[in-house]
Amino acid sequence: MKNLKAAAKDLRARGWKPEGRSVEIPPGPCYVFKDPSGNPLGIFENARPGLVDQAFGGSDRRGAKG
């Protein structure tokens, strides 16, 4: 998502409970919420697109080229 802070603010306004502060994951900052029924949801801002593919050799995890 493009604006994680705005999305987190909107979820809180709708009764979702944050599970602490944001944390960093490889693609970018992440929040974990629970909805009013207690179901978890993680949201993150893709601040570093392509990082995971670059680090792990793309979608082919066996390392084959081309």
C-alpha atoms as a PDB file:
ATOM      1  CA  MET A   1       0.000   0.000   0.000  1.00  0.00           C
ATOM      2  CA  LYS A   2       1.134   3.519  -0.655  1.00  0.00           C
ATOM      3  CA  ASN A   3       0.421   5.172   2.704  1.00  0.00           C
ATOM      4  CA  LEU A   4       0.745   2.761   5.601  1.00  0.00           C
ATOM      5  CA  LYS A   5       0.269   5.377   8.317  1.00  0.00           C
ATOM      6  CA  ALA A   6      -3.003   6.598   6.789  1.00  0.00           C
ATOM      7  CA  ALA A   7      -4.280   3.038   6.398  1.00  0.00           C
ATOM      8  CA  ALA A   8      -3.354   2.211  10.002  1.00  0.00           C
ATOM      9  CA  LYS A   9      -5.124   5.343  11.228  1.00  0.00           C
ATOM     10  CA  ASP A  10      -8.239   4.384   9.259  1.00  0.00           C
ATOM     11  CA  LEU A  11      -8.239   0.843  10.683  1.00  0.00           C
ATOM     12  CA  ARG A  12      -7.898   2.164  14.242  1.00  0.00           C
ATOM     13  CA  ALA A  13     -10.826   4.519  13.622  1.00  0.00           C
ATOM     14  CA  ARG A  14     -12.897   1.498  12.544  1.00  0.00           C
ATOM     15  CA  GLY A  15     -12.215  -0.390  15.765  1.00  0.00           C
ATOM     16  CA  TRP A  16      -9.244  -2.504  14.723  1.00  0.00           C
ATOM     17  CA  LYS A  17      -6.653  -2.920  17.482  1.00  0.00           C
ATOM     18  CA  PRO A  18      -2.941  -2.606  16.668  1.00  0.00           C
ATOM     19  CA  GLU A  19      -0.626  -5.325  17.967  1.00  0.00           C
ATOM     20  CA  GLY A  20       2.064  -2.869  19.010  1.00  0.00           C
ATOM     21  CA  ARG A  21       4.112  -0.514  16.878  1.00  0.00           C
ATOM     22  CA  SER A  22       5.099  -0.924  13.269  1.00  0.00           C
ATOM     23  CA  VAL A  23       7.963  -3.287  12.533  1.00  0.00           C
ATOM     24  CA  GLU A  24      10.327  -3.457   9.593  1.00  0.00           C
ATOM     25  CA  ILE A  25      10.158  -6.391   7.224  1.00  0.00           C
ATOM     26  CA  PRO A  26      12.302  -6.635   4.083  1.00  0.00           C
ATOM     27  CA  PRO A  27       9.762  -4.928   1.766  1.00  0.00           C
ATOM     28  CA  GLY A  28       9.061  -2.085   4.225  1.00  0.00           C
ATOM     29  CA  PRO A  29       7.228  -1.095   7.402  1.00  0.00           C
ATOM     30  CA  CYS A  30       4.470  -3.398   8.630  1.00  0.00           C
ATOM     31  CA  TYR A  31       1.607  -3.249  11.144  1.00  0.00           C
ATOM     32  CA  VAL A  32      -0.338  -6.148  12.585  1.00  0.00           C
ATOM     33  CA  PHE A  33      -3.941  -5.505  13.628  1.00  0.00           C
ATOM     34  CA  LYS A  34      -6.823  -7.489  15.020  1.00  0.00           C
ATOM     35  CA  ASP A  35     -10.303  -6.767  13.758  1.00  0.00           C
ATOM     36  CA  PRO A  36     -13.183  -6.279  16.204  1.00  0.00           C
ATOM     37  CA  SER A  37     -13.732 -10.077  16.179  1.00  0.00           C
ATOM     38  CA  GLY A  38     -10.073 -10.800  16.963  1.00  0.00           C
ATOM     39  CA  ASN A  39      -8.947 -11.911  13.501  1.00  0.00           C
ATOM     40  CA  PRO A  40      -5.357 -10.863  12.682  1.00  0.00           C
ATOM     41  CA  LEU A  41      -4.386  -8.830   9.635  1.00  0.00           C
ATOM     42  CA  GLY A  42      -0.936  -7.689   8.584  1.00  0.00           C
ATOM     43  CA  ILE A  43      -0.477  -4.706   6.288  1.00  0.00           C
ATOM     44  CA  PHE A  44       2.764  -3.350   4.882  1.00  0.00           C
ATOM     45  CA  GLU A  45       4.045  -0.561   2.700  1.00  0.00           C
ATOM     46  CA  ASN A  46       6.050  -1.882  -0.229  1.00  0.00           C
ATOM     47  CA  ALA A  47       8.809   0.690   0.244  1.00  0.00           C
ATOM     48  CA  ARG A  48      11.465  -1.535  -1.321  1.00  0.00           C
ATOM     49  CA  PRO A  49       9.797  -3.222  -4.294  1.00  0.00           C
ATOM     50  CA  GLY A  50      11.780  -6.064  -5.793  1.00  0.00           C
ATOM     51  CA  LEU A  51      14.010  -6.510  -2.760  1.00  0.00           C
ATOM     52  CA  VAL A  52      12.862 -10.045  -1.962  1.00  0.00           C
ATOM     53  CA  ASP A  53      13.130 -11.164  -5.589  1.00  0.00           C
ATOM     54  CA  GLN A  54      16.570  -9.610  -5.822  1.00  0.00           C
ATOM     55  CA  ALA A  55      17.755 -11.236  -2.597  1.00  0.00           C
ATOM     56  CA  PHE A  56      16.432 -14.687  -3.462  1.00  0.00           C
ATOM     57  CA  GLY A  57      17.035 -14.778  -7.202  1.00  0.00           C
ATOM     58  CA  GLY A  58      13.545 -13.959  -8.441  1.00  0.00           C
ATOM     59  CA  SER A  59      10.591 -16.290  -8.557  1.00  0.00           C
ATOM     60  CA  ASP A  60      12.684 -19.325  -9.544  1.00  0.00           C
ATOM     61  CA  ARG A  61      13.980 -20.434  -6.151  1.00  0.00           C
ATOM     62  CA  ARG A  62      16.135 -23.197  -7.630  1.00  0.00           C
ATOM     63  CA  GLY A  63      18.516 -20.598  -8.986  1.00  0.00           C
ATOM     64  CA  ALA A  64      18.154 -21.579 -12.654  1.00  0.00           C
ATOM     65  CA  LYS A  65      18.845 -18.769 -15.077  1.00  0.00           C
ATOM     66  CA  GLY A  66      16.754 -17.835 -18.054  1.00  0.00           C
END
